[in-house]
N, C-alpha and C. Protein backbone atom coordinates (compact mmCIF):
# COMPACT_ATOMS: atom_id res chain seq x y z
N MET A 1 177.34 207.29 29.04
CA MET A 1 176.57 208.39 28.68
C MET A 1 175.67 208.19 27.83
N ALA A 2 175.93 207.68 26.62
CA ALA A 2 175.03 206.85 25.57
C ALA A 2 173.91 206.20 26.07
N GLN A 3 174.04 205.47 26.99
CA GLN A 3 173.03 204.82 27.67
C GLN A 3 172.25 205.46 28.28
N ALA A 4 172.62 206.51 29.05
CA ALA A 4 171.61 207.44 29.65
C ALA A 4 170.66 207.97 28.78
N GLN A 5 171.23 208.73 27.53
CA GLN A 5 170.62 209.24 26.67
C GLN A 5 169.62 208.31 25.86
N ASP A 6 169.85 207.23 25.63
CA ASP A 6 169.03 206.15 25.27
C ASP A 6 167.78 205.92 26.26
N PHE A 7 168.32 205.95 27.53
CA PHE A 7 167.12 205.70 28.58
C PHE A 7 166.01 206.71 28.64
N THR A 8 166.64 208.04 28.58
CA THR A 8 165.84 209.37 28.60
C THR A 8 164.79 209.21 27.29
N ALA A 9 165.54 208.95 26.15
CA ALA A 9 164.72 208.87 24.97
C ALA A 9 163.72 207.65 25.16
N ALA A 10 163.88 206.77 25.59
CA ALA A 10 162.91 205.58 25.88
C ALA A 10 161.70 206.03 26.81
N LEU A 11 162.11 206.76 28.03
CA LEU A 11 161.35 207.36 28.91
C LEU A 11 160.58 208.19 28.17
N LYS A 12 160.99 208.98 27.51
CA LYS A 12 160.28 210.18 26.86
C LYS A 12 159.21 209.60 25.97
N ASP A 13 159.74 208.44 25.08
CA ASP A 13 158.66 207.58 24.29
C ASP A 13 157.81 207.15 25.24
N ALA A 14 157.77 206.30 25.89
CA ALA A 14 156.65 205.84 27.08
C ALA A 14 155.96 206.81 27.75
N LEU A 15 156.31 207.88 28.14
CA LEU A 15 155.34 208.78 28.64
C LEU A 15 154.51 209.69 27.30
N GLY A 16 155.34 209.58 26.41
CA GLY A 16 154.39 210.24 25.64
C GLY A 16 153.44 209.45 24.83
N ALA A 17 153.32 208.00 25.01
CA ALA A 17 152.56 206.99 24.86
C ALA A 17 151.32 207.19 25.61
N PHE A 18 151.17 207.74 26.93
CA PHE A 18 150.26 207.91 27.76
C PHE A 18 149.68 209.64 27.84
N PRO A 19 148.71 209.64 26.77
CA PRO A 19 148.50 211.20 26.82
C PRO A 19 147.63 211.59 27.90
N VAL A 20 147.77 213.07 28.13
CA VAL A 20 147.22 213.80 29.06
C VAL A 20 146.33 214.44 28.54
N ASP A 21 145.12 214.36 29.20
CA ASP A 21 143.65 215.06 28.71
C ASP A 21 143.46 216.35 29.33
N THR A 22 143.86 217.33 28.79
CA THR A 22 144.01 218.90 29.12
C THR A 22 142.09 219.34 29.19
N LYS A 23 141.89 218.64 28.39
CA LYS A 23 140.18 218.87 28.46
C LYS A 23 139.80 218.46 29.54
N ALA A 24 139.83 217.58 30.13
CA ALA A 24 139.39 216.98 31.22
C ALA A 24 139.70 217.81 32.47
N MET A 25 140.58 218.48 32.54
CA MET A 25 141.12 219.19 33.23
C MET A 25 140.48 220.66 33.45
N GLU A 26 140.19 221.03 32.21
CA GLU A 26 139.43 222.33 32.04
C GLU A 26 138.15 222.17 32.67
N ASP A 27 137.40 220.76 32.19
CA ASP A 27 136.03 220.76 32.25
C ASP A 27 135.96 220.71 33.94
N ALA A 28 136.86 219.83 34.55
CA ALA A 28 136.87 219.96 36.01
C ALA A 28 136.86 221.16 36.82
N PHE A 29 137.58 221.97 36.11
CA PHE A 29 137.71 223.51 36.63
C PHE A 29 136.56 223.97 36.38
N LYS A 30 135.98 223.99 35.29
CA LYS A 30 134.71 224.75 34.92
C LYS A 30 133.66 224.27 35.80
N SER A 31 133.50 222.97 35.86
CA SER A 31 132.55 222.49 36.89
C SER A 31 132.64 222.74 38.44
N GLN A 32 133.97 222.92 38.77
CA GLN A 32 134.20 223.61 40.25
C GLN A 32 133.69 224.82 40.25
N ALA A 33 134.11 225.66 39.12
CA ALA A 33 133.99 227.24 39.20
C ALA A 33 132.34 227.34 39.52
N THR A 34 131.54 226.48 38.54
CA THR A 34 129.94 226.63 38.41
C THR A 34 129.56 226.30 39.69
N MET A 35 130.05 225.50 40.25
CA MET A 35 129.54 224.69 41.82
C MET A 35 129.96 225.96 42.72
N ASN A 36 130.84 226.58 42.94
CA ASN A 36 131.07 227.68 43.84
C ASN A 36 130.49 228.65 43.27
N GLU A 37 129.98 228.95 42.08
CA GLU A 37 129.13 230.18 42.00
C GLU A 37 127.75 229.98 42.41
N LYS A 38 127.27 228.42 42.26
CA LYS A 38 125.85 228.05 42.64
C LYS A 38 125.97 228.28 44.25
N LEU A 39 127.00 227.78 44.88
CA LEU A 39 127.09 227.77 46.59
C LEU A 39 127.12 229.21 46.90
N ALA A 40 127.64 230.19 46.19
CA ALA A 40 127.71 231.56 46.63
C ALA A 40 126.62 232.06 46.60
N GLY A 41 125.60 231.86 45.45
CA GLY A 41 124.29 232.30 45.33
C GLY A 41 123.58 231.97 46.52
N VAL A 42 123.57 230.78 46.81
CA VAL A 42 122.96 230.35 47.91
C VAL A 42 123.27 231.23 49.04
N ALA A 43 124.35 231.41 49.54
CA ALA A 43 124.71 232.23 50.72
C ALA A 43 124.36 233.45 50.48
N LEU A 44 124.68 234.17 49.46
CA LEU A 44 124.27 235.54 49.23
C LEU A 44 122.83 235.87 49.27
N GLU A 45 121.92 234.86 48.81
CA GLU A 45 120.60 235.01 49.08
C GLU A 45 120.14 234.85 50.61
N ALA A 46 120.95 234.04 51.32
CA ALA A 46 120.61 234.08 52.84
C ALA A 46 120.96 235.02 53.46
N ALA A 47 122.15 235.87 53.11
CA ALA A 47 122.48 236.95 53.60
C ALA A 47 121.81 238.05 53.39
N GLU A 48 121.16 238.16 52.16
CA GLU A 48 120.11 239.30 51.91
C GLU A 48 118.75 239.34 52.47
N LYS A 49 118.38 237.87 52.86
CA LYS A 49 117.31 237.75 53.53
C LYS A 49 117.24 237.96 54.86
N SER A 50 118.54 237.51 55.37
CA SER A 50 118.89 237.70 56.71
C SER A 50 119.01 239.32 57.18
N SER A 51 119.68 240.02 56.42
CA SER A 51 119.95 241.43 56.49
C SER A 51 118.32 242.24 56.58
N GLU A 52 117.59 242.04 55.42
CA GLU A 52 116.28 242.18 55.30
C GLU A 52 115.51 242.13 56.74
N LEU A 53 115.43 240.99 57.12
CA LEU A 53 114.69 240.37 58.23
C LEU A 53 115.12 241.39 59.49
N SER A 54 116.78 241.43 59.59
CA SER A 54 117.06 242.02 60.61
C SER A 54 116.77 243.72 60.65
N ALA A 55 116.71 244.29 59.53
CA ALA A 55 116.36 245.67 59.21
C ALA A 55 114.90 245.87 59.46
N ALA A 56 114.23 244.92 59.37
CA ALA A 56 112.61 244.91 59.72
C ALA A 56 112.39 244.98 61.14
N TRP A 57 113.25 243.93 61.74
CA TRP A 57 112.88 243.78 63.19
C TRP A 57 113.67 245.56 63.98
N THR A 58 114.59 245.50 63.57
CA THR A 58 115.21 246.89 64.15
C THR A 58 114.24 248.00 63.92
N LYS A 59 113.42 248.20 62.59
CA LYS A 59 112.54 249.19 62.33
C LYS A 59 111.52 249.15 63.38
N ASP A 60 111.07 247.72 63.46
CA ASP A 60 109.59 247.73 64.43
C ASP A 60 110.02 247.91 65.73
N THR A 61 111.36 247.45 66.13
CA THR A 61 111.83 247.75 67.75
C THR A 61 111.81 249.37 67.73
N LEU A 62 112.37 249.91 66.95
CA LEU A 62 112.52 251.38 66.98
C LEU A 62 111.12 252.11 67.24
N ALA A 63 110.36 251.34 66.35
CA ALA A 63 108.97 252.33 66.33
C ALA A 63 108.27 252.12 67.54
N LYS A 64 108.35 250.95 68.34
CA LYS A 64 107.66 250.75 69.53
C LYS A 64 108.44 251.16 70.62
N LEU A 65 109.81 251.63 70.51
CA LEU A 65 110.56 252.38 71.65
C LEU A 65 109.92 253.70 71.68
N ALA A 66 109.43 254.31 70.53
CA ALA A 66 108.94 255.56 70.39
C ALA A 66 107.42 255.66 71.01
N ASP A 67 106.85 254.85 71.22
CA ASP A 67 105.72 254.71 72.45
C ASP A 67 105.92 254.60 73.46
N ILE A 68 107.13 253.96 74.18
CA ILE A 68 107.37 253.82 75.40
C ILE A 68 107.98 255.02 75.93
N THR A 69 108.55 255.57 75.05
CA THR A 69 109.20 257.14 75.46
C THR A 69 108.44 258.29 75.51
N ALA A 70 107.09 258.12 74.84
CA ALA A 70 106.48 259.28 74.68
C ALA A 70 105.63 259.61 76.33
N VAL A 71 105.19 260.76 76.60
CA VAL A 71 104.89 261.72 77.81
C VAL A 71 103.57 260.62 78.16
N LYS A 72 103.45 260.33 79.21
CA LYS A 72 102.41 259.85 79.73
C LYS A 72 101.66 260.65 80.75
N ALA A 73 100.32 260.26 80.90
CA ALA A 73 99.44 261.32 81.76
C ALA A 73 99.78 260.86 83.35
N GLU A 74 99.60 259.36 83.64
CA GLU A 74 99.83 258.66 84.97
C GLU A 74 101.05 258.05 84.97
N PRO A 75 101.87 257.82 86.06
CA PRO A 75 102.94 257.19 86.45
C PRO A 75 102.59 255.59 86.10
N ALA A 76 101.68 254.97 86.44
CA ALA A 76 101.02 253.75 86.04
C ALA A 76 101.23 253.76 84.44
N ASP A 77 100.95 254.38 83.88
CA ASP A 77 100.90 254.41 82.24
C ASP A 77 102.49 254.34 81.85
N TYR A 78 103.50 254.40 82.57
CA TYR A 78 105.04 254.12 82.09
C TYR A 78 105.31 252.48 82.08
N ALA A 79 104.71 252.08 83.42
CA ALA A 79 104.91 250.68 83.90
C ALA A 79 103.80 249.77 82.66
N LYS A 80 102.74 249.98 82.53
CA LYS A 80 101.96 249.64 81.26
C LYS A 80 102.97 249.51 80.05
N ALA A 81 103.23 250.75 79.60
CA ALA A 81 104.01 250.78 78.43
C ALA A 81 105.38 249.77 78.35
N ALA A 82 105.90 249.70 79.40
CA ALA A 82 107.33 248.97 79.40
C ALA A 82 106.69 247.36 79.40
N THR A 83 105.61 247.16 80.23
CA THR A 83 105.14 245.74 80.15
C THR A 83 104.85 245.25 78.89
N ASP A 84 104.02 246.31 78.07
CA ASP A 84 103.41 245.87 76.80
C ASP A 84 104.66 246.00 75.75
N PHE A 85 105.64 246.64 75.84
CA PHE A 85 106.69 246.70 75.04
C PHE A 85 107.65 245.44 75.24
N ALA A 86 107.64 245.19 76.29
CA ALA A 86 108.56 243.73 76.96
C ALA A 86 107.87 242.23 76.13
N SER A 87 106.56 242.52 76.42
CA SER A 87 105.42 241.43 75.84
C SER A 87 105.66 241.38 74.32
N ALA A 88 105.33 242.33 73.69
CA ALA A 88 105.42 242.53 72.20
C ALA A 88 106.99 242.12 71.63
N GLN A 89 108.01 242.35 72.14
CA GLN A 89 109.29 242.10 71.78
C GLN A 89 109.16 240.53 72.03
N ALA A 90 108.93 240.12 72.84
CA ALA A 90 108.99 238.76 73.05
C ALA A 90 108.28 237.93 71.85
N GLU A 91 106.90 238.45 71.83
CA GLU A 91 106.42 237.92 70.40
C GLU A 91 107.19 238.09 68.99
N VAL A 92 107.69 239.35 68.96
CA VAL A 92 108.57 239.40 67.73
C VAL A 92 109.53 238.81 67.79
N ALA A 93 110.06 238.58 68.81
CA ALA A 93 111.61 237.80 68.96
C ALA A 93 111.38 236.55 68.33
N ALA A 94 110.59 235.63 68.81
CA ALA A 94 110.03 234.31 68.62
C ALA A 94 109.74 234.24 67.10
N GLU A 95 108.90 235.12 66.45
CA GLU A 95 108.48 235.19 65.23
C GLU A 95 109.85 235.29 64.18
N ASN A 96 110.65 236.30 64.75
CA ASN A 96 111.67 236.48 63.96
C ASN A 96 112.73 235.15 63.83
N MET A 97 113.16 234.98 65.11
CA MET A 97 114.02 233.58 65.29
C MET A 97 113.33 232.45 64.45
N ALA A 98 112.03 232.09 64.26
CA ALA A 98 111.75 231.07 63.43
C ALA A 98 111.83 231.55 61.82
N ALA A 99 111.65 232.84 61.52
CA ALA A 99 111.95 233.21 59.93
C ALA A 99 113.32 232.83 59.82
N PHE A 100 114.70 233.18 60.80
CA PHE A 100 115.65 233.07 60.87
C PHE A 100 116.09 231.50 60.33
N ALA A 101 115.31 230.73 61.35
CA ALA A 101 115.48 229.37 61.07
C ALA A 101 114.98 228.73 59.89
N GLU A 102 114.03 229.47 59.18
CA GLU A 102 113.63 228.98 57.92
C GLU A 102 114.82 229.57 56.98
N ILE A 103 115.30 230.50 56.91
CA ILE A 103 116.37 231.09 56.15
C ILE A 103 117.38 229.95 56.22
N ALA A 104 117.72 229.60 57.26
CA ALA A 104 119.04 228.37 57.59
C ALA A 104 118.37 227.32 57.21
N LYS A 105 117.27 226.76 57.20
CA LYS A 105 116.64 225.55 56.92
C LYS A 105 116.76 225.37 55.02
N LYS A 106 116.46 226.58 54.48
CA LYS A 106 116.38 226.62 52.90
C LYS A 106 117.81 226.64 52.49
N VAL A 107 118.90 227.19 53.11
CA VAL A 107 120.31 227.07 52.74
C VAL A 107 120.59 225.71 52.85
N GLN A 108 120.14 225.12 53.84
CA GLN A 108 120.72 223.69 53.95
C GLN A 108 120.36 222.87 53.05
N MET A 109 118.89 222.98 52.59
CA MET A 109 118.51 222.09 51.58
C MET A 109 118.84 222.58 50.34
N ASP A 110 119.04 223.63 49.94
CA ASP A 110 119.58 223.88 48.76
C ASP A 110 121.08 223.58 48.51
N THR A 111 121.90 223.65 49.73
CA THR A 111 123.23 223.25 49.37
C THR A 111 123.42 221.69 49.53
N VAL A 112 122.55 220.75 50.22
CA VAL A 112 122.44 219.38 50.00
C VAL A 112 122.15 219.02 48.78
N GLU A 113 121.14 219.87 47.98
CA GLU A 113 120.62 219.60 46.77
C GLU A 113 121.71 219.59 45.69
N LEU A 114 122.28 221.10 46.02
CA LEU A 114 123.51 221.07 45.02
C LEU A 114 124.80 220.19 44.99
N LEU A 115 125.17 219.73 46.22
CA LEU A 115 126.10 218.57 46.48
C LEU A 115 125.73 217.45 45.98
N MET A 116 124.49 216.91 46.19
CA MET A 116 123.92 215.64 45.75
C MET A 116 123.86 215.42 44.04
N ALA A 117 123.66 216.68 43.49
CA ALA A 117 123.75 216.77 42.26
C ALA A 117 125.29 216.78 41.52
N ALA A 118 126.14 217.60 42.45
CA ALA A 118 127.26 217.57 41.97
C ALA A 118 128.11 216.17 42.13
N GLY A 119 127.50 215.49 43.09
CA GLY A 119 128.24 214.34 43.24
C GLY A 119 127.91 213.09 42.20
N LYS A 120 126.66 213.24 41.68
CA LYS A 120 126.05 212.54 40.56
C LYS A 120 126.97 212.88 39.47
N ASP A 121 126.91 214.37 39.21
CA ASP A 121 127.90 214.49 38.09
C ASP A 121 129.24 214.06 38.06
N LEU A 122 130.11 214.46 39.15
CA LEU A 122 131.11 213.94 39.29
C LEU A 122 131.29 212.16 39.09
N GLN A 123 130.46 211.51 39.61
CA GLN A 123 130.47 210.28 39.33
C GLN A 123 130.47 210.01 37.69
N GLU A 124 129.58 210.28 37.21
CA GLU A 124 129.19 210.11 35.99
C GLU A 124 130.66 210.62 34.92
N ASP A 125 131.00 211.47 35.41
CA ASP A 125 132.35 212.22 34.67
C ASP A 125 133.64 211.30 35.00
N ALA A 126 133.66 210.87 36.39
CA ALA A 126 134.86 209.83 36.83
C ALA A 126 134.65 208.57 36.09
N THR A 127 133.42 207.99 35.82
CA THR A 127 133.22 206.79 35.38
C THR A 127 133.92 206.87 33.74
N ALA A 128 133.47 208.07 32.84
CA ALA A 128 133.74 208.44 31.73
C ALA A 128 135.17 208.36 31.66
N ALA A 129 135.70 209.19 32.62
CA ALA A 129 137.21 209.51 32.38
C ALA A 129 138.31 208.16 32.67
N VAL A 130 137.63 207.21 33.47
CA VAL A 130 137.96 205.92 33.73
C VAL A 130 138.22 205.27 32.83
N LYS A 131 136.94 205.06 31.93
CA LYS A 131 136.79 204.29 30.68
C LYS A 131 137.56 204.72 29.46
N LYS A 132 137.83 206.25 29.41
CA LYS A 132 138.74 206.79 28.29
C LYS A 132 139.93 206.36 28.61
N ALA A 133 140.56 206.71 29.97
CA ALA A 133 142.03 206.18 30.40
C ALA A 133 142.46 204.85 30.22
N THR A 134 141.28 203.85 30.45
CA THR A 134 141.64 202.61 30.10
C THR A 134 141.94 202.38 28.89
N ASP A 135 140.83 202.75 28.02
CA ASP A 135 141.09 202.75 26.50
C ASP A 135 142.33 202.83 26.02
N GLU A 136 142.65 204.39 26.57
CA GLU A 136 144.08 204.80 26.08
C GLU A 136 145.37 204.16 26.42
N VAL A 137 145.26 203.63 27.58
CA VAL A 137 146.18 202.90 28.18
C VAL A 137 146.32 201.54 27.71
N THR A 138 145.16 201.04 27.44
CA THR A 138 145.30 199.79 26.52
C THR A 138 145.88 200.02 25.02
N LYS A 139 145.27 201.00 24.47
CA LYS A 139 145.72 201.38 23.44
C LYS A 139 147.28 201.15 23.35
N ALA A 140 147.84 202.27 24.31
CA ALA A 140 149.47 202.87 24.29
C ALA A 140 149.84 201.16 24.59
N ALA A 141 149.72 200.35 25.58
CA ALA A 141 150.26 199.50 25.86
C ALA A 141 150.09 198.23 24.74
N LYS A 142 149.46 198.36 23.81
CA LYS A 142 149.55 197.48 22.78
C LYS A 142 150.48 197.99 21.58
N LYS A 143 150.56 199.44 21.36
CA LYS A 143 151.50 200.13 20.80
C LYS A 143 152.53 199.60 20.86
N THR A 144 153.01 199.74 22.36
CA THR A 144 154.38 199.98 23.07
C THR A 144 154.80 198.40 22.70
N ALA A 145 154.01 197.34 23.02
CA ALA A 145 154.10 195.92 22.76
C ALA A 145 154.38 195.38 21.40
N ALA A 146 154.02 196.26 20.24
CA ALA A 146 154.18 195.87 18.89
C ALA A 146 155.38 196.81 18.69
């Protein structure tokens, strides 16, 4: 039993020689939280623009529907109103789909930009952490050997 206690003490001393850097964990958490905030900002901005575009499209469609439902003097005027409405809707649909595509393109570009910046920061942080850990392990190994 005495040997087990000695082994436990030796293991505790050995593990104590390799310090855990809680600041690095805190910094990693903060970096992740910041990254999530930026990505959420990109998504929320896109959602806002998309909803504004959808609302404007709906408002425009309803206004044009008022024209098509108005009383006409001649039966042929109803056919012309329907044709004009369909033609206008096709044009507006193409414009709005292009606008939605621009929103999606901006989201993609912003996201890639954020991820590339985060990757660069992560690489720099990882390099610094590995260097620091190597230095600490080397010191601890020397201390244990002495």
